[in-house]
Amino acid sequence: MNSTVQPEQANQKPGYSASDTPNNLLNLLQALMATKGKKALRIDFLAPPFAGHLHPVLALARAAAAEHSVQVISTPAAGKAIAQAGLQAHSVLEGSEADDTLDQIANPGKAVRSNPLALWRQFRAALRLFRQFRTELDQHYRTKAKPDLIIADFTLPLAGIIAQQHQISWWTSMPSPCVIETSEGPPAYCGGLQPPENRWQYWLQWLHRKKVRCFKRIVFTLCYPLLRDLGVRTLYRADGSEAAYSPDCILALADPALEFPRNWPQALQFIGPALYTPPLTTPEPQFDAERPAILITLGTHLHWQKEAVVAALSELAAICPEWDFHFSDGRHDQQHQPLRSNLHRYSYISYQSHLAKYAAVIHHGGAGIMYHCLQHAIPALVWPQDFDQFDHAARLEVAGKAVWLRNGLRNAQAIRRLLADCLQQWAIKVDEKGE
C-alpha cells in the first residue's frame, strides 16, 4: 500500500467472520481519516445491481454509515434494495436499458467458464456501457460535492480512473479475492485448482497463470482503442499488480483462513465477509417441524441451469420423502410453486432471514451463500456452475467445509447418501445446542 492506508500484518491471521467486518472496515477508515485530517468522511459506494455484488457493498455501506456520510451509486434496478437498506441512492445509466444489457451479460444463456469467445463477448458488451457510465460519473463529480473516498466493487474499474481524475481516494471491494492474479499459488478461472502437491502440478499451475495473463493481454490489445478512449492505459502496473484494482486498498471480503497460500498484493486487506440481504417482500418459506428442510440455490444468475435443477430435484424428492426441499429461483417476485408434497419452488429466499432454519444447503459456490453457510455452520454440498464458483468449491473442499459435487445432481441415490451425512452433522449440532 502507499501512504493512504498502512498495512497491518494482523489482518493476515485466520478466523475472520462477518461479525469482525464492520470494525475492521471502520479501523481502516479511521486510518484514512488521520491522513486527511478529518473527523468523518463522505464516502461513495459503487456497485452493479446484481445481488452478489450489490449486497456486500450494502453491508459495507451500512457499517460505514455508523460514523460517516455514505451514498450508494448503482443503476435504477438497485434503487429499491438500497432504499430498503436505509441508505441514500444515486442512479446512473437511467433510461438507457442498461439493466437489461447487464442482465444479458450476467445471464448469457449458457456457462461461460473459461471459454475465450464467450468471455470476449461479455467484455465487449460491458465496454459499451462503460463509456456512458464514465461520462455520467465524471459529470456527477464535476457538478456535485466530491466525496473523500470511493469504494467500488471490483467489476467497476472505471470508478478508479474517475477517482484519480478528480483526485478522490479509491478503494476496491473484493468479495472473491481468489480472482486476483498473483505470481504464486493456484490461479482462478481454471476449473478450481488446489494447492500443488508435486513438481508437475506446480509447473502446470505456472502454465495456467501464464495462460490467464496472456488471455487478458490479448483482449486488452484487441480492445485498446476503446479502452484508451475510456482512460484505460495499462493492464498491469510496474510492480505487476492489476491496474483494475486500487493500489491503495483492496478490501478482501473473505476469511483468510479459507484462502490458499499466495503472495497477495501489498494493497490487499482481509476484513472478513460482508453479509447482508435487504428485507425484500417475498413469500415466506414454509417449514415442517417433523421434517428437516434442505435449501437449493444457484443465486440470482445461472437462469439457463435452473429448470434442469428442478427436474433433478423432483427425482431426488421422490426418493427422500422424509425431507423437505426448497428451491430458490433468485428472482424478486411473489411466486411460490409447490411441485411435490416435499418440494417447493420459491421465487426468492432470504439467506439472512431464513438460512439458519435449514439443515443442509446445496449451492453453487457463490461467495455470499458460501459465507452465509459458514456463518451458521450449515453443512453444504457445492455444485459450481461458472465464474469463480469452482475456485470457491476447491477452497471449501480443502478446508473440509463442504462436499464438491463434481457430477452435479445426476445420481439421486448418491446425493441422498451425502445429504444423510449432512443431516447427521446437523442433528449433532442441534443436540449440542440443546445441552
Protein backbone atom coordinates (compact mmCIF):
# COMPACT_ATOMS: atom_id res chain seq x y z
CA MET A 1 0.00 0.00 0.00
CA ASN A 2 1.01 3.62 -0.33
CA SER A 3 0.67 6.20 2.41
CA THR A 4 -3.14 6.25 2.25
CA VAL A 5 -3.57 3.21 4.49
CA GLN A 6 -0.77 1.39 6.19
CA PRO A 7 -0.88 -2.42 6.01
CA GLU A 8 -1.29 -4.42 9.18
CA GLN A 9 0.23 -7.86 9.46
CA ALA A 10 -2.51 -8.76 11.93
CA ASN A 11 -5.05 -8.79 9.10
CA GLN A 12 -3.44 -11.95 7.72
CA LYS A 13 -4.36 -14.06 10.75
CA PRO A 14 -7.10 -16.67 10.31
CA GLY A 15 -10.53 -16.60 11.82
CA TYR A 16 -12.29 -13.53 10.41
CA SER A 17 -16.07 -13.85 10.41
CA ALA A 18 -18.86 -11.50 9.34
CA SER A 19 -19.05 -10.09 12.87
CA ASP A 20 -15.48 -8.79 12.53
CA THR A 21 -16.05 -6.97 9.23
CA PRO A 22 -17.66 -3.69 10.43
CA ASN A 23 -14.93 -2.96 12.97
CA ASN A 24 -12.18 -3.91 10.55
CA LEU A 25 -13.63 -1.54 7.96
CA LEU A 26 -14.06 1.29 10.45
CA ASN A 27 -10.46 0.86 11.61
CA LEU A 28 -9.20 1.26 8.05
CA LEU A 29 -11.41 4.31 7.57
CA GLN A 30 -10.02 5.72 10.82
CA ALA A 31 -6.52 5.43 9.40
CA LEU A 32 -7.62 7.26 6.23
CA MET A 33 -9.25 9.98 8.30
CA ALA A 34 -5.95 10.59 10.05
CA THR A 35 -4.19 11.17 6.72
CA LYS A 36 -6.90 13.62 5.63
CA GLY A 37 -7.23 15.37 9.00
CA LYS A 38 -10.99 14.80 9.14
CA LYS A 39 -13.35 13.62 11.87
CA ALA A 40 -15.70 11.94 9.39
CA LEU A 41 -15.65 11.04 5.73
CA ARG A 42 -18.00 11.36 2.79
CA ILE A 43 -17.94 8.01 1.02
CA ASP A 44 -19.48 6.92 -2.26
CA PHE A 45 -20.01 3.16 -2.67
CA LEU A 46 -20.33 1.90 -6.25
CA ALA A 47 -21.73 -1.47 -7.32
CA PRO A 48 -23.62 -3.12 -10.19
CA PRO A 49 -27.24 -4.10 -9.39
CA PHE A 50 -26.56 -7.87 -9.08
CA ALA A 51 -27.12 -9.26 -5.58
CA GLY A 52 -23.73 -10.97 -5.40
CA HIS A 53 -22.01 -7.62 -5.92
CA LEU A 54 -24.56 -5.15 -4.54
CA HIS A 55 -25.32 -6.86 -1.24
CA PRO A 56 -21.68 -6.96 0.02
CA VAL A 57 -21.34 -3.27 -0.87
CA LEU A 58 -24.56 -2.53 1.03
CA ALA A 59 -23.13 -4.37 4.02
CA LEU A 60 -20.01 -2.19 3.90
CA ALA A 61 -22.05 0.99 3.40
CA ARG A 62 -24.26 0.21 6.38
CA ALA A 63 -21.19 -0.39 8.54
CA ALA A 64 -19.54 2.84 7.39
CA ALA A 65 -22.77 4.82 7.87
CA ALA A 66 -22.42 4.37 11.64
CA GLU A 67 -19.68 7.04 11.63
CA HIS A 68 -19.57 8.54 8.13
CA SER A 69 -21.78 10.05 5.43
CA VAL A 70 -22.38 7.50 2.70
CA GLN A 71 -24.10 7.24 -0.68
CA VAL A 72 -24.55 4.18 -2.91
CA ILE A 73 -24.26 4.63 -6.68
CA SER A 74 -25.75 1.98 -8.96
CA THR A 75 -28.28 1.55 -11.77
CA PRO A 76 -32.05 2.04 -11.30
CA ALA A 77 -32.59 -1.68 -10.69
CA ALA A 78 -30.68 -1.39 -7.41
CA GLY A 79 -32.67 1.56 -6.09
CA LYS A 80 -35.22 -0.46 -4.11
CA ALA A 81 -32.60 -2.59 -2.36
CA ILE A 82 -30.53 0.48 -1.48
CA ALA A 83 -33.57 2.24 -0.02
CA GLN A 84 -34.55 -0.85 1.98
CA ALA A 85 -31.02 -0.86 3.40
CA GLY A 86 -31.70 2.62 4.74
CA LEU A 87 -29.10 4.24 2.51
CA GLN A 88 -29.07 7.17 0.11
CA ALA A 89 -29.00 6.17 -3.56
CA HIS A 90 -27.80 7.87 -6.72
CA SER A 91 -28.73 6.23 -10.04
CA VAL A 92 -26.62 6.15 -13.18
CA LEU A 93 -27.43 4.88 -16.68
CA GLU A 94 -31.10 5.78 -16.31
CA GLY A 95 -33.25 5.38 -19.41
CA SER A 96 -30.51 3.55 -21.31
CA GLU A 97 -31.78 -0.03 -20.92
CA ALA A 98 -28.54 -0.61 -19.05
CA ASP A 99 -30.13 -3.05 -16.61
CA ASP A 100 -31.40 -5.21 -19.48
CA THR A 101 -27.94 -5.20 -21.06
CA LEU A 102 -26.28 -6.04 -17.76
CA ASP A 103 -28.70 -8.93 -17.24
CA GLN A 104 -27.82 -10.29 -20.68
CA ILE A 105 -24.12 -10.11 -19.79
CA ALA A 106 -24.63 -11.86 -16.46
CA ASN A 107 -27.05 -14.43 -17.86
CA PRO A 108 -25.76 -15.33 -21.34
CA GLY A 109 -27.90 -18.45 -21.67
CA LYS A 110 -25.10 -20.93 -21.05
CA ALA A 111 -21.98 -21.37 -18.94
CA VAL A 112 -19.10 -19.02 -19.75
CA ARG A 113 -16.39 -20.64 -17.61
CA SER A 114 -13.04 -20.13 -19.37
CA ASN A 115 -14.46 -20.03 -22.91
CA PRO A 116 -12.42 -17.23 -24.51
CA LEU A 117 -15.06 -16.34 -27.12
CA ALA A 118 -17.82 -16.06 -24.50
CA LEU A 119 -15.58 -14.00 -22.24
CA TRP A 120 -14.71 -11.76 -25.18
CA ARG A 121 -18.38 -11.15 -25.97
CA GLN A 122 -19.14 -10.29 -22.34
CA PHE A 123 -16.22 -7.88 -22.22
CA ARG A 124 -17.25 -6.11 -25.44
CA ALA A 125 -20.83 -5.74 -24.20
CA ALA A 126 -19.58 -4.28 -20.93
CA LEU A 127 -17.37 -1.77 -22.73
CA ARG A 128 -20.39 -0.27 -24.48
CA LEU A 129 -21.94 0.54 -21.11
CA PHE A 130 -18.71 1.74 -19.55
CA ARG A 131 -18.50 4.74 -21.91
CA GLN A 132 -21.82 6.17 -20.71
CA PHE A 133 -21.03 5.19 -17.12
CA ARG A 134 -17.79 7.16 -17.21
CA THR A 135 -19.43 10.20 -18.80
CA GLU A 136 -22.19 10.30 -16.20
CA LEU A 137 -19.90 9.73 -13.23
CA ASP A 138 -17.44 12.35 -14.47
CA GLN A 139 -20.26 14.88 -14.84
CA HIS A 140 -21.58 13.97 -11.39
CA TYR A 141 -18.25 14.77 -9.73
CA ARG A 142 -17.85 17.96 -11.77
CA THR A 143 -21.19 19.35 -10.59
CA LYS A 144 -21.64 17.85 -7.11
CA ALA A 145 -19.51 17.93 -3.98
CA LYS A 146 -16.80 15.31 -4.25
CA PRO A 147 -16.56 12.54 -1.66
CA ASP A 148 -13.40 11.87 0.31
CA LEU A 149 -13.40 8.22 -0.76
CA ILE A 150 -14.87 5.96 -3.42
CA ILE A 151 -15.25 2.26 -2.58
CA ALA A 152 -16.11 0.40 -5.79
CA ASP A 153 -16.93 -3.22 -6.50
CA PHE A 154 -14.10 -4.95 -8.35
CA THR A 155 -16.18 -5.20 -11.54
CA LEU A 156 -16.15 -1.38 -11.90
CA PRO A 157 -12.51 -0.49 -12.65
CA LEU A 158 -13.54 2.77 -14.37
CA ALA A 159 -14.53 4.09 -10.95
CA GLY A 160 -10.84 4.16 -10.11
CA ILE A 161 -9.98 6.13 -13.26
CA ILE A 162 -12.67 8.71 -12.44
CA ALA A 163 -11.49 8.87 -8.82
CA GLN A 164 -7.91 9.52 -9.86
CA GLN A 165 -9.02 12.12 -12.40
CA HIS A 166 -10.90 14.01 -9.68
CA GLN A 167 -8.24 13.38 -7.02
CA ILE A 168 -10.53 11.24 -4.87
CA SER A 169 -9.18 8.35 -2.80
CA TRP A 170 -10.26 4.98 -4.23
CA TRP A 171 -10.58 1.53 -2.69
CA THR A 172 -11.71 -1.73 -4.27
CA SER A 173 -14.33 -4.01 -2.72
CA MET A 174 -13.41 -7.65 -3.45
CA PRO A 175 -15.86 -10.38 -2.30
CA SER A 176 -13.84 -13.07 -4.14
CA PRO A 177 -10.11 -12.45 -3.56
CA CYS A 178 -9.32 -15.74 -5.30
CA VAL A 179 -9.77 -13.94 -8.66
CA ILE A 180 -6.80 -11.64 -8.04
CA GLU A 181 -3.75 -12.56 -10.08
CA THR A 182 -0.64 -13.48 -8.10
CA SER A 183 2.75 -14.79 -9.17
CA GLU A 184 2.37 -17.87 -6.97
CA GLY A 185 -0.47 -20.19 -5.99
CA PRO A 186 -3.45 -21.59 -7.91
CA PRO A 187 -4.92 -19.09 -10.43
CA ALA A 188 -8.67 -18.55 -10.68
CA TYR A 189 -10.99 -19.42 -13.58
CA CYS A 190 -9.11 -22.65 -14.32
CA GLY A 191 -11.64 -25.17 -13.02
CA GLY A 192 -10.99 -24.92 -9.28
CA LEU A 193 -7.26 -25.60 -8.88
CA GLN A 194 -5.99 -26.56 -5.44
CA PRO A 195 -2.50 -26.05 -3.93
CA PRO A 196 0.09 -28.08 -5.88
CA GLU A 197 1.25 -31.32 -4.26
CA ASN A 198 4.14 -32.15 -6.57
CA ARG A 199 6.52 -30.58 -9.08
CA TRP A 200 4.26 -31.44 -12.05
CA GLN A 201 1.28 -29.65 -10.50
CA TYR A 202 3.49 -26.70 -9.62
CA TRP A 203 4.60 -26.26 -13.24
CA LEU A 204 1.10 -26.90 -14.56
CA GLN A 205 -0.23 -24.07 -12.40
CA TRP A 206 2.61 -21.85 -13.62
CA LEU A 207 1.36 -22.50 -17.16
CA HIS A 208 -2.23 -21.71 -16.10
CA ARG A 209 -1.10 -18.39 -14.60
CA LYS A 210 0.67 -17.54 -17.85
CA LYS A 211 -2.43 -18.55 -19.82
CA VAL A 212 -4.67 -16.25 -17.78
CA ARG A 213 -2.31 -13.30 -18.14
CA CYS A 214 -1.81 -13.97 -21.85
CA PHE A 215 -5.55 -14.04 -22.48
CA LYS A 216 -6.03 -10.74 -20.65
CA ARG A 217 -3.22 -9.14 -22.65
CA ILE A 218 -4.72 -10.34 -25.95
CA VAL A 219 -8.14 -8.91 -25.06
CA PHE A 220 -6.53 -5.67 -23.87
CA THR A 221 -4.63 -5.33 -27.15
CA LEU A 222 -7.68 -6.05 -29.30
CA CYS A 223 -9.79 -3.55 -27.35
CA TYR A 224 -7.09 -0.96 -26.76
CA PRO A 225 -8.62 1.80 -28.94
CA LEU A 226 -11.87 1.55 -26.97
CA LEU A 227 -10.10 1.21 -23.64
CA ARG A 228 -7.83 4.18 -24.39
CA ASP A 229 -10.87 6.36 -25.02
CA LEU A 230 -12.18 5.28 -21.61
CA GLY A 231 -8.90 6.27 -19.97
CA VAL A 232 -7.55 2.75 -19.51
CA ARG A 233 -3.88 2.95 -20.49
CA THR A 234 -2.40 -0.14 -18.92
CA LEU A 235 -3.42 -3.58 -17.73
CA TYR A 236 -0.66 -4.05 -15.15
CA ARG A 237 1.36 -1.62 -13.06
CA ALA A 238 5.14 -1.60 -12.90
CA ASP A 239 5.06 -3.86 -9.83
CA GLY A 240 2.95 -6.44 -11.72
CA SER A 241 -0.29 -5.72 -9.86
CA GLU A 242 -3.55 -5.38 -11.79
CA ALA A 243 -4.42 -1.78 -12.60
CA ALA A 244 -8.15 -2.58 -12.37
CA TYR A 245 -7.88 -2.71 -8.57
CA SER A 246 -6.94 0.07 -6.17
CA PRO A 247 -3.22 0.49 -5.45
CA ASP A 248 -4.16 1.87 -2.03
CA CYS A 249 -6.58 -0.65 -0.52
CA ILE A 250 -8.31 -3.79 -1.75
CA LEU A 251 -10.95 -4.82 0.79
CA ALA A 252 -10.89 -8.62 0.71
CA LEU A 253 -14.35 -9.61 1.97
CA ALA A 254 -13.28 -13.08 3.00
CA ASP A 255 -11.74 -15.19 5.73
CA PRO A 256 -8.00 -15.59 5.06
CA ALA A 257 -8.16 -19.00 6.74
CA LEU A 258 -10.19 -20.26 3.79
CA GLU A 259 -7.85 -18.90 1.13
CA PHE A 260 -4.89 -20.79 -0.33
CA PRO A 261 -1.36 -19.50 0.39
CA ARG A 262 -0.48 -16.84 -2.19
CA ASN A 263 1.68 -13.75 -2.41
CA TRP A 264 -1.13 -11.22 -2.19
CA PRO A 265 -0.79 -7.63 -3.47
CA GLN A 266 0.52 -5.23 -0.87
CA ALA A 267 -2.73 -3.25 -1.02
CA LEU A 268 -4.91 -6.20 -0.04
CA GLN A 269 -6.56 -6.14 3.38
CA PHE A 270 -8.66 -9.06 4.64
CA ILE A 271 -11.53 -7.62 6.69
CA GLY A 272 -13.93 -10.58 6.76
CA PRO A 273 -17.11 -11.48 4.81
CA ALA A 274 -19.64 -8.71 4.18
CA LEU A 275 -23.06 -10.35 4.57
CA TYR A 276 -26.34 -8.53 4.17
CA THR A 277 -29.69 -9.18 2.48
CA PRO A 278 -32.20 -6.32 2.08
CA PRO A 279 -35.62 -7.03 3.65
CA LEU A 280 -37.40 -7.78 0.38
CA THR A 281 -41.10 -8.69 0.43
CA THR A 282 -41.32 -12.25 -0.90
CA PRO A 283 -43.27 -15.40 0.10
CA GLU A 284 -42.11 -16.88 3.40
CA PRO A 285 -40.77 -20.43 3.08
CA GLN A 286 -42.88 -22.93 4.97
CA PHE A 287 -41.15 -25.31 7.39
CA ASP A 288 -42.44 -28.63 8.76
CA ALA A 289 -41.33 -29.28 12.33
CA GLU A 290 -41.32 -33.02 11.61
CA ARG A 291 -39.09 -32.90 8.54
CA PRO A 292 -35.65 -31.29 8.09
CA ALA A 293 -35.58 -28.72 5.28
CA ILE A 294 -32.89 -28.52 2.62
CA LEU A 295 -32.29 -25.34 0.62
CA ILE A 296 -31.17 -25.49 -3.01
CA THR A 297 -29.95 -22.26 -4.60
CA LEU A 298 -27.98 -21.13 -7.64
CA GLY A 299 -28.13 -17.47 -6.64
CA THR A 300 -29.63 -14.77 -8.85
CA HIS A 301 -27.81 -15.71 -12.08
CA LEU A 302 -27.48 -19.01 -13.96
CA HIS A 303 -31.04 -18.93 -15.32
CA TRP A 304 -30.02 -21.37 -18.06
CA GLN A 305 -29.48 -24.15 -15.50
CA LYS A 306 -32.42 -23.80 -13.15
CA GLU A 307 -35.04 -25.86 -14.99
CA ALA A 308 -32.62 -28.80 -15.15
CA VAL A 309 -32.01 -28.44 -11.41
CA VAL A 310 -35.74 -28.52 -10.67
CA ALA A 311 -36.10 -31.70 -12.73
CA ALA A 312 -33.26 -33.37 -10.83
CA LEU A 313 -34.72 -32.22 -7.50
CA SER A 314 -38.08 -33.78 -8.37
CA GLU A 315 -36.36 -37.14 -8.75
CA LEU A 316 -34.45 -36.62 -5.50
CA ALA A 317 -37.53 -35.54 -3.55
CA ALA A 318 -39.36 -38.65 -4.73
CA ILE A 319 -36.85 -40.98 -3.04
CA CYS A 320 -36.45 -38.75 0.06
CA PRO A 321 -39.99 -38.30 1.42
CA GLU A 322 -38.65 -37.72 4.93
CA TRP A 323 -37.06 -34.39 3.91
CA ASP A 324 -38.40 -31.10 2.55
CA PHE A 325 -36.67 -29.44 -0.40
CA HIS A 326 -36.90 -25.69 -1.05
CA PHE A 327 -35.54 -24.37 -4.36
CA SER A 328 -34.87 -20.64 -4.69
CA ASP A 329 -35.02 -19.07 -8.17
CA GLY A 330 -33.28 -15.90 -7.03
CA ARG A 331 -35.97 -13.63 -8.51
CA HIS A 332 -37.57 -10.78 -6.61
CA ASP A 333 -41.23 -11.58 -7.23
CA GLN A 334 -44.07 -13.20 -5.32
CA GLN A 335 -44.14 -16.72 -6.69
CA HIS A 336 -44.38 -19.93 -4.67
CA GLN A 337 -44.93 -23.16 -6.58
CA PRO A 338 -45.49 -26.47 -4.74
CA LEU A 339 -44.10 -29.15 -7.07
CA ARG A 340 -44.49 -32.16 -4.76
CA SER A 341 -45.59 -32.60 -1.16
CA ASN A 342 -41.93 -32.18 -0.13
CA LEU A 343 -40.60 -29.98 -2.98
CA HIS A 344 -41.36 -26.27 -3.19
CA ARG A 345 -40.11 -23.70 -5.67
CA TYR A 346 -39.83 -20.16 -4.29
CA SER A 347 -39.01 -17.05 -6.26
CA TYR A 348 -36.61 -15.83 -3.55
CA ILE A 349 -35.45 -16.97 -0.13
CA SER A 350 -33.53 -14.51 2.02
CA TYR A 351 -30.32 -16.01 3.35
CA GLN A 352 -30.25 -13.51 6.18
CA SER A 353 -33.81 -14.17 7.34
CA HIS A 354 -34.21 -17.91 6.75
CA LEU A 355 -30.92 -19.73 6.13
CA ALA A 356 -30.39 -20.66 9.79
CA LYS A 357 -33.60 -22.75 9.68
CA TYR A 358 -32.22 -25.17 7.09
CA ALA A 359 -30.50 -28.42 7.97
CA ALA A 360 -28.38 -28.51 4.81
CA VAL A 361 -27.80 -26.50 1.65
CA ILE A 362 -26.99 -27.40 -1.94
CA HIS A 363 -25.49 -24.29 -3.54
CA HIS A 364 -23.44 -23.08 -6.49
CA GLY A 365 -20.43 -21.76 -4.63
CA GLY A 366 -21.19 -18.05 -4.79
CA ALA A 367 -19.32 -16.00 -2.21
CA GLY A 368 -22.50 -14.87 -0.46
CA ILE A 369 -24.17 -18.23 0.14
CA MET A 370 -20.78 -19.79 0.90
CA TYR A 371 -20.12 -17.43 3.80
CA HIS A 372 -23.74 -17.44 4.99
CA CYS A 373 -23.49 -21.23 5.35
CA LEU A 374 -20.14 -20.97 7.13
CA GLN A 375 -21.55 -18.32 9.47
CA HIS A 376 -24.34 -20.67 10.60
CA ALA A 377 -22.19 -23.84 10.40
CA ILE A 378 -24.68 -25.38 7.98
CA PRO A 379 -23.35 -28.43 6.10
CA ALA A 380 -23.33 -27.90 2.35
CA LEU A 381 -22.97 -29.67 -0.97
CA VAL A 382 -21.42 -27.38 -3.59
CA TRP A 383 -22.24 -27.67 -7.27
CA PRO A 384 -20.26 -24.90 -9.03
CA GLN A 385 -21.57 -23.71 -12.38
CA ASP A 386 -19.47 -20.81 -13.65
CA PHE A 387 -17.17 -17.88 -12.92
CA ASP A 388 -15.23 -18.12 -9.61
CA GLN A 389 -17.56 -20.76 -8.16
CA PHE A 390 -15.16 -23.63 -8.95
CA ASP A 391 -12.43 -21.82 -7.04
CA HIS A 392 -14.71 -21.41 -4.02
CA ALA A 393 -15.63 -25.10 -4.22
CA ALA A 394 -11.95 -26.02 -4.18
CA ARG A 395 -11.35 -23.91 -1.07
CA LEU A 396 -14.35 -25.35 0.76
CA GLU A 397 -13.29 -28.89 -0.09
CA VAL A 398 -9.69 -28.43 1.08
CA ALA A 399 -10.92 -26.81 4.31
CA GLY A 400 -13.37 -29.67 4.92
CA LYS A 401 -16.27 -27.21 4.98
CA ALA A 402 -18.36 -28.68 2.14
CA VAL A 403 -18.56 -31.53 -0.37
CA TRP A 404 -17.84 -30.66 -4.02
CA LEU A 405 -20.46 -32.28 -6.29
CA ARG A 406 -18.33 -32.83 -9.37
CA ASN A 407 -21.10 -34.87 -11.03
CA GLY A 408 -23.88 -32.47 -10.08
CA LEU A 409 -27.28 -33.92 -9.24
CA ARG A 410 -27.19 -36.76 -11.77
CA ASN A 411 -27.12 -39.60 -9.24
CA ALA A 412 -30.06 -39.15 -6.87
CA GLN A 413 -29.03 -42.09 -4.67
CA ALA A 414 -25.52 -40.70 -4.22
CA ILE A 415 -26.93 -37.27 -3.33
CA ARG A 416 -29.27 -38.93 -0.84
CA ARG A 417 -26.30 -40.55 0.93
CA LEU A 418 -24.37 -37.28 1.04
CA LEU A 419 -27.37 -35.40 2.40
CA ALA A 420 -27.87 -38.09 5.05
CA ASP A 421 -24.32 -37.40 6.23
CA CYS A 422 -25.02 -33.66 6.26
CA LEU A 423 -28.22 -34.12 8.25
CA GLN A 424 -26.39 -36.29 10.76
CA GLN A 425 -23.99 -33.38 11.32
CA TRP A 426 -26.97 -31.05 11.69
CA ALA A 427 -28.62 -33.37 14.25
CA ILE A 428 -25.42 -33.45 16.31
CA LYS A 429 -25.28 -29.65 16.25
CA VAL A 430 -28.92 -29.41 17.37
CA ASP A 431 -28.27 -31.86 20.22
CA GLU A 432 -25.24 -29.88 21.36
CA LYS A 433 -27.27 -26.67 21.42
CA GLY A 434 -29.96 -28.43 23.41
CA GLU A 435 -27.44 -29.47 26.01
